Amino acid sequence: MNRRDTMTLLAGTLAASGMTAARAAESPAWAAPEFDIPRPELVLELVVTCSKPESIGGDKASKDGQRGTIWPIIGGTFVGKDIRGTVVPGGGDFPVIRPDGVSIIDALYRLKTDDGVTLIIHNKGLAIPGDTPAATKYRLSPDFTVPQGKYDWLNKGVFIANLTIRVPQNKRLAKSENENDRMIHVYRLA
């Protein structure tokens, strides 16, 4: 096969995979064209309400970092395509602050769908500080435990999420200064 035939074959392969020639040119020299490129698909939006953080009596660092507070989860709502419901009070976020200032997020709580199915969500990830508190980036990897049936698609996917503490006014649920909301957008990698 000559160079021209090779380039024609490569262009056809890139077109079939959805990758443009410009994007292929930006790829590292060691990377081959990908044929199954994961893409995020928004599947859930949650507004999770927490109470004020509670001290667990420790300013001393553990082997993983400093675990001085927990954020009790006291409610919330969620909505997605063909799914909606409430956040069940009783879960929590148990962050650990590493010596480099990055927080390890570890939140475990339950969701109850409008048709009565209880789902468990375990959000793990990182809070990477920015120049200001508002610039902190929250990146999560939610894991779901769901009974077989209508919502078991949550057991069969790989999910990523972002969290923001800047919840739009029309979606806020917190009722006092002792409560705060976080908005989480969950994406399935399709």
N, C-alpha and C. Protein backbone atom coordinates (compact mmCIF):
# COMPACT_ATOMS: atom_id res chain seq x y z
N MET A 1 0.85 -1.17 0.00
CA MET A 1 0.00 0.00 0.00
C MET A 1 0.90 1.23 0.00
N ASN A 2 0.62 2.18 -0.88
CA ASN A 2 1.44 3.39 -0.93
C ASN A 2 0.92 4.41 0.09
N ARG A 3 1.66 5.52 0.22
CA ARG A 3 1.34 6.57 1.21
C ARG A 3 -0.06 7.16 0.96
N ARG A 4 -0.40 7.37 -0.30
CA ARG A 4 -1.71 7.95 -0.61
C ARG A 4 -2.84 7.02 -0.19
N ASP A 5 -2.70 5.71 -0.47
CA ASP A 5 -3.71 4.73 -0.05
C ASP A 5 -3.81 4.68 1.48
N THR A 6 -2.67 4.76 2.15
CA THR A 6 -2.66 4.76 3.61
C THR A 6 -3.40 5.97 4.15
N MET A 7 -3.16 7.16 3.59
CA MET A 7 -3.82 8.38 4.05
C MET A 7 -5.34 8.31 3.77
N THR A 8 -5.73 7.75 2.63
CA THR A 8 -7.15 7.61 2.32
C THR A 8 -7.80 6.67 3.31
N LEU A 9 -7.14 5.55 3.63
CA LEU A 9 -7.67 4.60 4.60
C LEU A 9 -7.78 5.26 5.97
N LEU A 10 -6.77 6.01 6.38
CA LEU A 10 -6.79 6.70 7.67
C LEU A 10 -7.92 7.72 7.72
N ALA A 11 -8.13 8.48 6.67
CA ALA A 11 -9.22 9.48 6.64
C ALA A 11 -10.57 8.78 6.76
N GLY A 12 -10.74 7.65 6.06
CA GLY A 12 -12.00 6.91 6.17
C GLY A 12 -12.22 6.35 7.56
N THR A 13 -11.15 5.86 8.18
CA THR A 13 -11.23 5.33 9.54
C THR A 13 -11.60 6.43 10.52
N LEU A 14 -10.96 7.60 10.37
CA LEU A 14 -11.27 8.74 11.25
C LEU A 14 -12.71 9.18 11.07
N ALA A 15 -13.18 9.23 9.85
CA ALA A 15 -14.56 9.65 9.60
C ALA A 15 -15.53 8.66 10.22
N ALA A 16 -15.23 7.38 10.10
CA ALA A 16 -16.11 6.35 10.67
C ALA A 16 -16.14 6.44 12.19
N SER A 17 -15.03 6.84 12.81
CA SER A 17 -14.97 6.92 14.27
C SER A 17 -15.45 8.25 14.79
N GLY A 18 -15.73 9.19 13.90
CA GLY A 18 -16.18 10.52 14.33
C GLY A 18 -15.03 11.45 14.67
N MET A 19 -13.81 11.03 14.48
CA MET A 19 -12.66 11.85 14.81
C MET A 19 -12.26 12.66 13.57
N THR A 20 -12.12 13.94 13.71
CA THR A 20 -11.71 14.78 12.59
C THR A 20 -10.20 14.69 12.41
N ALA A 21 -9.75 15.06 11.21
CA ALA A 21 -8.32 15.06 10.94
C ALA A 21 -7.61 16.04 11.86
N ALA A 22 -8.24 17.19 12.15
CA ALA A 22 -7.62 18.18 13.05
C ALA A 22 -7.46 17.58 14.44
N ARG A 23 -8.48 16.86 14.92
CA ARG A 23 -8.39 16.25 16.24
C ARG A 23 -7.34 15.15 16.25
N ALA A 24 -7.25 14.39 15.18
CA ALA A 24 -6.25 13.33 15.09
C ALA A 24 -4.86 13.94 15.12
N ALA A 25 -4.68 15.09 14.46
CA ALA A 25 -3.38 15.75 14.45
C ALA A 25 -2.99 16.22 15.84
N GLU A 26 -3.99 16.52 16.71
CA GLU A 26 -3.70 16.97 18.07
C GLU A 26 -3.36 15.80 18.98
N SER A 27 -3.70 14.57 18.59
CA SER A 27 -3.45 13.40 19.41
C SER A 27 -1.95 13.16 19.53
N PRO A 28 -1.53 12.63 20.68
CA PRO A 28 -0.10 12.30 20.82
C PRO A 28 0.31 11.28 19.76
N ALA A 29 1.58 11.31 19.40
CA ALA A 29 2.09 10.42 18.36
C ALA A 29 1.88 8.95 18.72
N TRP A 30 1.85 8.63 20.00
CA TRP A 30 1.72 7.23 20.42
C TRP A 30 0.27 6.75 20.41
N ALA A 31 -0.69 7.66 20.28
CA ALA A 31 -2.10 7.26 20.36
C ALA A 31 -2.62 6.85 18.99
N ALA A 32 -3.29 5.72 18.96
CA ALA A 32 -3.95 5.27 17.73
C ALA A 32 -5.34 5.87 17.68
N PRO A 33 -5.92 5.99 16.51
CA PRO A 33 -7.31 6.48 16.43
C PRO A 33 -8.22 5.58 17.27
N GLU A 34 -9.13 6.20 17.99
CA GLU A 34 -10.06 5.44 18.84
C GLU A 34 -11.37 5.25 18.08
N PHE A 35 -11.95 4.09 18.24
CA PHE A 35 -13.17 3.78 17.53
C PHE A 35 -14.39 3.85 18.45
N ASP A 36 -14.17 3.75 19.76
CA ASP A 36 -15.26 3.79 20.72
C ASP A 36 -14.90 4.83 21.79
N ILE A 37 -15.11 6.07 21.47
CA ILE A 37 -14.72 7.15 22.36
C ILE A 37 -15.87 7.42 23.34
N PRO A 38 -15.62 7.24 24.65
CA PRO A 38 -16.68 7.51 25.62
C PRO A 38 -17.10 8.98 25.56
N ARG A 39 -18.41 9.20 25.73
CA ARG A 39 -18.90 10.57 25.78
C ARG A 39 -19.88 10.68 26.94
N PRO A 40 -19.85 11.79 27.66
CA PRO A 40 -20.75 11.92 28.81
C PRO A 40 -22.18 12.24 28.39
N GLU A 41 -23.12 11.60 29.06
CA GLU A 41 -24.55 11.82 28.84
C GLU A 41 -25.17 12.16 30.20
N LEU A 42 -25.74 13.35 30.35
CA LEU A 42 -26.35 13.76 31.61
C LEU A 42 -27.53 12.85 31.92
N VAL A 43 -27.52 12.22 33.11
CA VAL A 43 -28.61 11.32 33.47
C VAL A 43 -29.33 11.72 34.76
N LEU A 44 -28.68 12.49 35.63
CA LEU A 44 -29.31 12.90 36.88
C LEU A 44 -28.84 14.28 37.31
N GLU A 45 -29.75 15.03 37.91
CA GLU A 45 -29.40 16.27 38.59
C GLU A 45 -29.93 16.14 40.02
N LEU A 46 -29.04 16.28 40.98
CA LEU A 46 -29.42 16.19 42.39
C LEU A 46 -29.17 17.53 43.06
N VAL A 47 -30.06 17.91 43.95
CA VAL A 47 -29.80 18.99 44.89
C VAL A 47 -29.83 18.33 46.26
N VAL A 48 -28.68 18.29 46.90
CA VAL A 48 -28.52 17.62 48.18
C VAL A 48 -28.37 18.69 49.26
N THR A 49 -29.20 18.58 50.31
CA THR A 49 -29.16 19.56 51.40
C THR A 49 -28.43 18.94 52.59
N CYS A 50 -27.47 19.70 53.11
CA CYS A 50 -26.71 19.29 54.28
C CYS A 50 -26.96 20.27 55.42
N SER A 51 -26.79 19.79 56.65
CA SER A 51 -26.82 20.70 57.78
C SER A 51 -25.41 21.26 57.95
N LYS A 52 -25.25 22.12 58.94
CA LYS A 52 -23.91 22.64 59.21
C LYS A 52 -22.97 21.46 59.48
N PRO A 53 -21.72 21.61 59.16
CA PRO A 53 -20.80 20.50 59.42
C PRO A 53 -20.68 20.24 60.92
N GLU A 54 -20.49 18.98 61.25
CA GLU A 54 -20.31 18.57 62.65
C GLU A 54 -18.87 18.17 62.86
N SER A 55 -18.29 18.68 63.94
CA SER A 55 -16.92 18.31 64.30
C SER A 55 -16.93 16.89 64.83
N ILE A 56 -15.95 16.13 64.42
CA ILE A 56 -15.81 14.78 64.97
C ILE A 56 -14.59 14.73 65.88
N GLY A 57 -14.20 15.92 66.36
CA GLY A 57 -13.20 16.01 67.41
C GLY A 57 -11.78 15.73 66.99
N GLY A 58 -11.45 16.04 65.79
CA GLY A 58 -10.08 15.75 65.41
C GLY A 58 -9.46 16.79 64.52
N ASP A 59 -8.43 17.45 65.00
CA ASP A 59 -7.63 18.30 64.14
C ASP A 59 -6.34 17.58 63.76
N LYS A 60 -6.14 16.40 64.34
CA LYS A 60 -4.92 15.65 64.03
C LYS A 60 -5.13 14.85 62.77
N ALA A 61 -4.10 14.77 62.00
CA ALA A 61 -4.18 14.05 60.73
C ALA A 61 -4.13 12.55 60.97
N SER A 62 -4.92 11.82 60.20
CA SER A 62 -4.85 10.36 60.19
C SER A 62 -3.82 9.97 59.14
N LYS A 63 -3.71 8.69 58.87
CA LYS A 63 -2.77 8.26 57.83
C LYS A 63 -3.14 8.81 56.46
N ASP A 64 -4.44 9.13 56.26
CA ASP A 64 -4.90 9.63 54.98
C ASP A 64 -4.94 11.15 54.91
N GLY A 65 -4.97 11.82 56.05
CA GLY A 65 -5.10 13.26 56.10
C GLY A 65 -5.95 13.66 57.29
N GLN A 66 -6.46 14.87 57.27
CA GLN A 66 -7.23 15.39 58.40
C GLN A 66 -8.72 15.16 58.19
N ARG A 67 -9.34 14.51 59.14
CA ARG A 67 -10.78 14.25 59.10
C ARG A 67 -11.37 14.92 60.33
N GLY A 68 -11.77 16.20 60.17
CA GLY A 68 -12.24 16.95 61.31
C GLY A 68 -13.74 17.20 61.33
N THR A 69 -14.42 17.03 60.20
CA THR A 69 -15.85 17.30 60.16
C THR A 69 -16.57 16.30 59.27
N ILE A 70 -17.87 16.19 59.51
CA ILE A 70 -18.75 15.47 58.59
C ILE A 70 -19.88 16.43 58.21
N TRP A 71 -20.45 16.21 57.05
CA TRP A 71 -21.58 17.01 56.57
C TRP A 71 -22.81 16.10 56.55
N PRO A 72 -23.67 16.16 57.57
CA PRO A 72 -24.88 15.34 57.56
C PRO A 72 -25.81 15.73 56.41
N ILE A 73 -26.31 14.73 55.70
CA ILE A 73 -27.25 14.96 54.61
C ILE A 73 -28.66 14.86 55.18
N ILE A 74 -29.43 15.93 55.01
CA ILE A 74 -30.75 16.00 55.65
C ILE A 74 -31.91 16.01 54.66
N GLY A 75 -31.63 15.93 53.36
CA GLY A 75 -32.71 15.89 52.38
C GLY A 75 -32.24 16.31 51.00
N GLY A 76 -33.20 16.54 50.13
CA GLY A 76 -32.90 16.99 48.78
C GLY A 76 -33.85 16.38 47.78
N THR A 77 -33.56 16.64 46.52
CA THR A 77 -34.36 16.12 45.41
C THR A 77 -33.44 15.67 44.29
N PHE A 78 -33.98 14.86 43.39
CA PHE A 78 -33.24 14.49 42.19
C PHE A 78 -34.22 14.29 41.05
N VAL A 79 -33.71 14.47 39.84
CA VAL A 79 -34.52 14.30 38.64
C VAL A 79 -33.61 13.86 37.50
N GLY A 80 -34.18 13.04 36.62
CA GLY A 80 -33.47 12.59 35.43
C GLY A 80 -34.51 12.12 34.43
N LYS A 81 -34.03 11.49 33.36
CA LYS A 81 -34.97 10.98 32.35
C LYS A 81 -35.68 9.76 32.94
N ASP A 82 -36.98 9.86 33.10
CA ASP A 82 -37.81 8.77 33.62
C ASP A 82 -37.46 8.37 35.05
N ILE A 83 -36.91 9.31 35.83
CA ILE A 83 -36.60 9.05 37.24
C ILE A 83 -36.63 10.38 37.99
N ARG A 84 -37.23 10.33 39.18
CA ARG A 84 -37.25 11.52 40.05
C ARG A 84 -37.57 11.06 41.46
N GLY A 85 -37.24 11.91 42.42
CA GLY A 85 -37.55 11.56 43.79
C GLY A 85 -36.86 12.47 44.78
N THR A 86 -36.66 11.95 45.99
CA THR A 86 -36.09 12.74 47.07
C THR A 86 -34.83 12.07 47.62
N VAL A 87 -33.99 12.90 48.25
CA VAL A 87 -32.82 12.41 48.96
C VAL A 87 -33.29 12.10 50.37
N VAL A 88 -33.03 10.88 50.83
CA VAL A 88 -33.48 10.43 52.14
C VAL A 88 -32.54 11.00 53.21
N PRO A 89 -33.09 11.67 54.25
CA PRO A 89 -32.24 12.16 55.34
C PRO A 89 -31.51 10.99 56.01
N GLY A 90 -30.29 11.26 56.46
CA GLY A 90 -29.56 10.24 57.22
C GLY A 90 -28.20 9.88 56.67
N GLY A 91 -27.89 10.29 55.46
CA GLY A 91 -26.57 10.00 54.92
C GLY A 91 -25.58 11.06 55.34
N GLY A 92 -24.39 11.02 54.78
CA GLY A 92 -23.40 12.01 55.12
C GLY A 92 -22.24 12.04 54.14
N ASP A 93 -21.51 13.14 54.22
CA ASP A 93 -20.27 13.33 53.47
C ASP A 93 -19.16 13.36 54.50
N PHE A 94 -18.15 12.52 54.33
CA PHE A 94 -17.09 12.34 55.31
C PHE A 94 -15.74 12.70 54.68
N PRO A 95 -15.48 14.00 54.44
CA PRO A 95 -14.27 14.38 53.72
C PRO A 95 -12.99 14.21 54.55
N VAL A 96 -11.91 14.00 53.83
CA VAL A 96 -10.57 13.97 54.41
C VAL A 96 -9.76 15.01 53.66
N ILE A 97 -9.12 15.92 54.40
CA ILE A 97 -8.28 16.95 53.78
C ILE A 97 -6.84 16.47 53.80
N ARG A 98 -6.30 16.27 52.60
CA ARG A 98 -4.92 15.81 52.48
C ARG A 98 -3.95 16.95 52.78
N PRO A 99 -2.70 16.63 53.07
CA PRO A 99 -1.71 17.68 53.33
C PRO A 99 -1.52 18.67 52.18
N ASP A 100 -1.84 18.26 50.94
CA ASP A 100 -1.69 19.16 49.80
C ASP A 100 -2.90 20.08 49.61
N GLY A 101 -3.90 19.99 50.51
CA GLY A 101 -5.07 20.85 50.43
C GLY A 101 -6.23 20.26 49.64
N VAL A 102 -6.02 19.15 48.95
CA VAL A 102 -7.08 18.49 48.21
C VAL A 102 -7.93 17.69 49.20
N SER A 103 -9.25 17.79 49.07
CA SER A 103 -10.14 17.01 49.92
C SER A 103 -10.60 15.76 49.18
N ILE A 104 -10.60 14.65 49.91
CA ILE A 104 -11.14 13.41 49.38
C ILE A 104 -12.61 13.37 49.80
N ILE A 105 -13.50 13.34 48.82
CA ILE A 105 -14.93 13.32 49.06
C ILE A 105 -15.36 11.86 49.23
N ASP A 106 -16.18 11.60 50.23
CA ASP A 106 -16.70 10.26 50.46
C ASP A 106 -18.10 10.41 51.06
N ALA A 107 -19.12 10.44 50.19
CA ALA A 107 -20.50 10.66 50.61
C ALA A 107 -21.33 9.42 50.31
N LEU A 108 -22.08 8.99 51.30
CA LEU A 108 -22.94 7.82 51.15
C LEU A 108 -24.34 8.20 51.62
N TYR A 109 -25.33 7.99 50.73
CA TYR A 109 -26.70 8.34 51.10
C TYR A 109 -27.67 7.59 50.21
N ARG A 110 -28.97 7.76 50.52
CA ARG A 110 -30.02 7.05 49.80
C ARG A 110 -30.90 8.02 49.02
N LEU A 111 -31.43 7.52 47.92
CA LEU A 111 -32.41 8.23 47.11
C LEU A 111 -33.68 7.40 47.10
N LYS A 112 -34.82 8.06 47.15
CA LYS A 112 -36.10 7.34 47.06
C LYS A 112 -36.86 7.88 45.87
N THR A 113 -37.15 7.01 44.91
CA THR A 113 -37.86 7.43 43.70
C THR A 113 -39.32 7.72 44.04
N ASP A 114 -39.98 8.50 43.18
CA ASP A 114 -41.39 8.82 43.38
C ASP A 114 -42.28 7.58 43.41
N ASP A 115 -41.81 6.47 42.81
CA ASP A 115 -42.60 5.25 42.85
C ASP A 115 -42.13 4.27 43.93
N GLY A 116 -41.35 4.78 44.91
CA GLY A 116 -41.05 4.02 46.11
C GLY A 116 -39.83 3.13 46.10
N VAL A 117 -38.95 3.23 45.13
CA VAL A 117 -37.75 2.40 45.07
C VAL A 117 -36.60 3.14 45.75
N THR A 118 -35.90 2.44 46.66
CA THR A 118 -34.75 3.03 47.35
C THR A 118 -33.47 2.67 46.61
N LEU A 119 -32.67 3.68 46.31
CA LEU A 119 -31.40 3.55 45.62
C LEU A 119 -30.30 4.02 46.56
N ILE A 120 -29.15 3.41 46.51
CA ILE A 120 -28.01 3.86 47.29
C ILE A 120 -27.01 4.49 46.34
N ILE A 121 -26.50 5.66 46.72
CA ILE A 121 -25.46 6.33 45.94
C ILE A 121 -24.24 6.54 46.84
N HIS A 122 -23.08 6.19 46.32
CA HIS A 122 -21.82 6.39 47.03
C HIS A 122 -20.95 7.27 46.12
N ASN A 123 -20.85 8.54 46.49
CA ASN A 123 -20.06 9.50 45.71
C ASN A 123 -18.66 9.59 46.30
N LYS A 124 -17.67 9.23 45.50
CA LYS A 124 -16.28 9.38 45.91
C LYS A 124 -15.60 10.28 44.89
N GLY A 125 -14.65 11.07 45.35
CA GLY A 125 -13.96 11.94 44.41
C GLY A 125 -13.03 12.90 45.11
N LEU A 126 -12.77 14.02 44.43
CA LEU A 126 -11.82 15.01 44.92
C LEU A 126 -12.42 16.41 44.85
N ALA A 127 -12.05 17.23 45.83
CA ALA A 127 -12.30 18.67 45.80
C ALA A 127 -10.94 19.32 45.65
N ILE A 128 -10.69 19.89 44.48
CA ILE A 128 -9.38 20.46 44.16
C ILE A 128 -9.48 21.97 44.32
N PRO A 129 -8.76 22.52 45.31
CA PRO A 129 -8.90 23.96 45.58
C PRO A 129 -8.41 24.82 44.43
N GLY A 130 -9.12 25.94 44.23
CA GLY A 130 -8.72 26.94 43.26
C GLY A 130 -8.15 28.15 43.98
N ASP A 131 -8.04 29.26 43.26
CA ASP A 131 -7.51 30.49 43.86
C ASP A 131 -8.45 31.07 44.91
N THR A 132 -9.74 30.79 44.78
CA THR A 132 -10.75 31.22 45.75
C THR A 132 -11.62 30.02 46.08
N PRO A 133 -12.35 30.05 47.21
CA PRO A 133 -13.23 28.91 47.52
C PRO A 133 -14.23 28.62 46.40
N ALA A 134 -14.73 29.67 45.74
CA ALA A 134 -15.69 29.48 44.65
C ALA A 134 -15.07 28.78 43.45
N ALA A 135 -13.75 28.81 43.34
CA ALA A 135 -13.06 28.20 42.20
C ALA A 135 -12.69 26.73 42.45
N THR A 136 -13.07 26.19 43.61
CA THR A 136 -12.79 24.79 43.90
C THR A 136 -13.53 23.91 42.89
N LYS A 137 -12.85 22.90 42.37
CA LYS A 137 -13.43 21.95 41.42
C LYS A 137 -13.74 20.65 42.16
N TYR A 138 -14.98 20.20 42.05
CA TYR A 138 -15.41 18.95 42.65
C TYR A 138 -15.65 17.94 41.54
N ARG A 139 -14.91 16.85 41.56
CA ARG A 139 -15.05 15.79 40.56
C ARG A 139 -15.32 14.48 41.28
N LEU A 140 -16.42 13.84 40.91
CA LEU A 140 -16.89 12.66 41.62
C LEU A 140 -17.05 11.46 40.70
N SER A 141 -17.06 10.30 41.33
CA SER A 141 -17.32 9.05 40.63
C SER A 141 -18.41 8.31 41.40
N PRO A 142 -19.69 8.57 41.07
CA PRO A 142 -20.77 7.93 41.79
C PRO A 142 -20.89 6.45 41.47
N ASP A 143 -21.22 5.69 42.49
CA ASP A 143 -21.47 4.26 42.35
C ASP A 143 -22.86 4.00 42.93
N PHE A 144 -23.68 3.27 42.20
CA PHE A 144 -25.06 3.04 42.61
C PHE A 144 -25.28 1.58 42.99
N THR A 145 -26.14 1.36 43.97
CA THR A 145 -26.63 0.04 44.32
C THR A 145 -28.15 0.12 44.21
N VAL A 146 -28.69 -0.62 43.26
CA VAL A 146 -30.09 -0.49 42.88
C VAL A 146 -30.69 -1.89 42.72
N PRO A 147 -31.93 -2.11 43.19
CA PRO A 147 -32.54 -3.42 42.98
C PRO A 147 -32.85 -3.65 41.50
N GLN A 148 -32.97 -4.92 41.12
CA GLN A 148 -33.32 -5.23 39.73
C GLN A 148 -34.67 -4.61 39.40
N GLY A 149 -34.79 -4.18 38.15
CA GLY A 149 -36.05 -3.60 37.72
C GLY A 149 -35.83 -2.33 36.92
N LYS A 150 -36.75 -1.42 37.04
CA LYS A 150 -36.82 -0.21 36.23
C LYS A 150 -35.55 0.64 36.28
N TYR A 151 -34.87 0.68 37.43
CA TYR A 151 -33.72 1.58 37.59
C TYR A 151 -32.37 0.86 37.61
N ASP A 152 -32.35 -0.44 37.30
CA ASP A 152 -31.08 -1.16 37.39
C ASP A 152 -30.07 -0.76 36.33
N TRP A 153 -30.47 0.11 35.41
CA TRP A 153 -29.49 0.68 34.46
C TRP A 153 -28.40 1.43 35.23
N LEU A 154 -28.72 1.87 36.45
CA LEU A 154 -27.72 2.56 37.27
C LEU A 154 -26.63 1.60 37.77
N ASN A 155 -26.94 0.31 37.83
CA ASN A 155 -25.94 -0.71 38.20
C ASN A 155 -25.02 -1.06 37.04
N LYS A 156 -25.40 -0.66 35.84
CA LYS A 156 -24.73 -1.16 34.64
C LYS A 156 -23.94 -0.09 33.90
N GLY A 157 -23.67 1.02 34.54
CA GLY A 157 -22.97 2.10 33.86
C GLY A 157 -21.74 2.56 34.62
N VAL A 158 -20.96 3.33 33.93
CA VAL A 158 -19.83 4.03 34.54
C VAL A 158 -20.23 5.50 34.57
N PHE A 159 -20.11 6.12 35.75
CA PHE A 159 -20.61 7.47 35.96
C PHE A 159 -19.51 8.40 36.46
N ILE A 160 -19.61 9.65 36.05
CA ILE A 160 -18.79 10.72 36.58
C ILE A 160 -19.74 11.86 36.96
N ALA A 161 -19.29 12.75 37.81
CA ALA A 161 -20.17 13.84 38.23
C ALA A 161 -19.35 15.05 38.61
N ASN A 162 -20.02 16.20 38.56
CA ASN A 162 -19.44 17.41 39.11
C ASN A 162 -20.38 17.92 40.19
N LEU A 163 -19.85 18.66 41.12
CA LEU A 163 -20.63 19.21 42.22
C LEU A 163 -20.35 20.70 42.27
N THR A 164 -21.38 21.46 42.56
CA THR A 164 -21.19 22.89 42.78
C THR A 164 -21.95 23.29 44.03
N ILE A 165 -21.38 24.24 44.75
CA ILE A 165 -22.07 24.78 45.92
C ILE A 165 -22.85 26.04 45.54
N ARG A 166 -22.72 26.45 44.29
CA ARG A 166 -23.48 27.62 43.79
C ARG A 166 -24.75 27.12 43.10
N VAL A 167 -25.75 26.81 43.92
CA VAL A 167 -27.01 26.27 43.41
C VAL A 167 -27.88 27.45 42.95
N PRO A 168 -28.45 27.37 41.75
CA PRO A 168 -29.32 28.46 41.28
C PRO A 168 -30.47 28.70 42.27
N GLN A 169 -30.85 29.95 42.41
CA GLN A 169 -31.88 30.35 43.37
C GLN A 169 -33.15 29.52 43.23
N ASN A 170 -33.59 29.26 42.01
CA ASN A 170 -34.85 28.55 41.81
C ASN A 170 -34.78 27.05 42.15
N LYS A 171 -33.59 26.54 42.50
CA LYS A 171 -33.45 25.13 42.85
C LYS A 171 -33.01 24.93 44.29
N ARG A 172 -32.79 26.02 45.02
CA ARG A 172 -32.33 25.91 46.41
C ARG A 172 -33.43 25.33 47.30
N LEU A 173 -33.00 24.49 48.24
CA LEU A 173 -33.91 23.86 49.18
C LEU A 173 -33.62 24.22 50.63
N ALA A 174 -32.40 24.67 50.92
CA ALA A 174 -32.01 25.00 52.29
C ALA A 174 -32.97 26.03 52.87
N LYS A 175 -33.37 25.81 54.13
CA LYS A 175 -34.39 26.65 54.76
C LYS A 175 -33.83 27.64 55.77
N SER A 176 -32.56 27.51 56.14
CA SER A 176 -31.98 28.42 57.13
C SER A 176 -30.48 28.54 56.90
N GLU A 177 -29.86 29.39 57.67
CA GLU A 177 -28.41 29.55 57.55
C GLU A 177 -27.66 28.34 58.08
N ASN A 178 -28.37 27.43 58.77
CA ASN A 178 -27.76 26.20 59.28
C ASN A 178 -27.83 25.06 58.27
N GLU A 179 -28.35 25.34 57.07
CA GLU A 179 -28.43 24.35 56.01
C GLU A 179 -27.76 24.89 54.76
N ASN A 180 -27.27 23.99 53.93
CA ASN A 180 -26.67 24.41 52.65
C ASN A 180 -26.94 23.33 51.61
N ASP A 181 -27.01 23.78 50.36
CA ASP A 181 -27.28 22.87 49.25
C ASP A 181 -26.04 22.71 48.38
N ARG A 182 -25.99 21.58 47.71
CA ARG A 182 -25.00 21.31 46.66
C ARG A 182 -25.76 20.72 45.48
N MET A 183 -25.35 21.11 44.30
CA MET A 183 -25.96 20.57 43.09
C MET A 183 -24.95 19.61 42.46
N ILE A 184 -25.43 18.44 42.11
CA ILE A 184 -24.59 17.41 41.51
C ILE A 184 -25.19 17.01 40.17
N HIS A 185 -24.39 17.05 39.13
CA HIS A 185 -24.80 16.56 37.82
C HIS A 185 -24.05 15.26 37.56
N VAL A 186 -24.83 14.20 37.33
CA VAL A 186 -24.27 12.87 37.11
C VAL A 186 -24.35 12.54 35.62
N TYR A 187 -23.22 12.11 35.07
CA TYR A 187 -23.12 11.76 33.65
C TYR A 187 -22.77 10.28 33.53
N ARG A 188 -23.46 9.58 32.63
CA ARG A 188 -23.10 8.21 32.29
C ARG A 188 -22.17 8.28 31.09
N LEU A 189 -21.11 7.49 31.13
CA LEU A 189 -20.22 7.43 29.97
C LEU A 189 -20.84 6.48 28.96
N ALA A 190 -21.27 7.05 27.84
CA ALA A 190 -21.95 6.26 26.81
C ALA A 190 -20.96 5.80 25.77
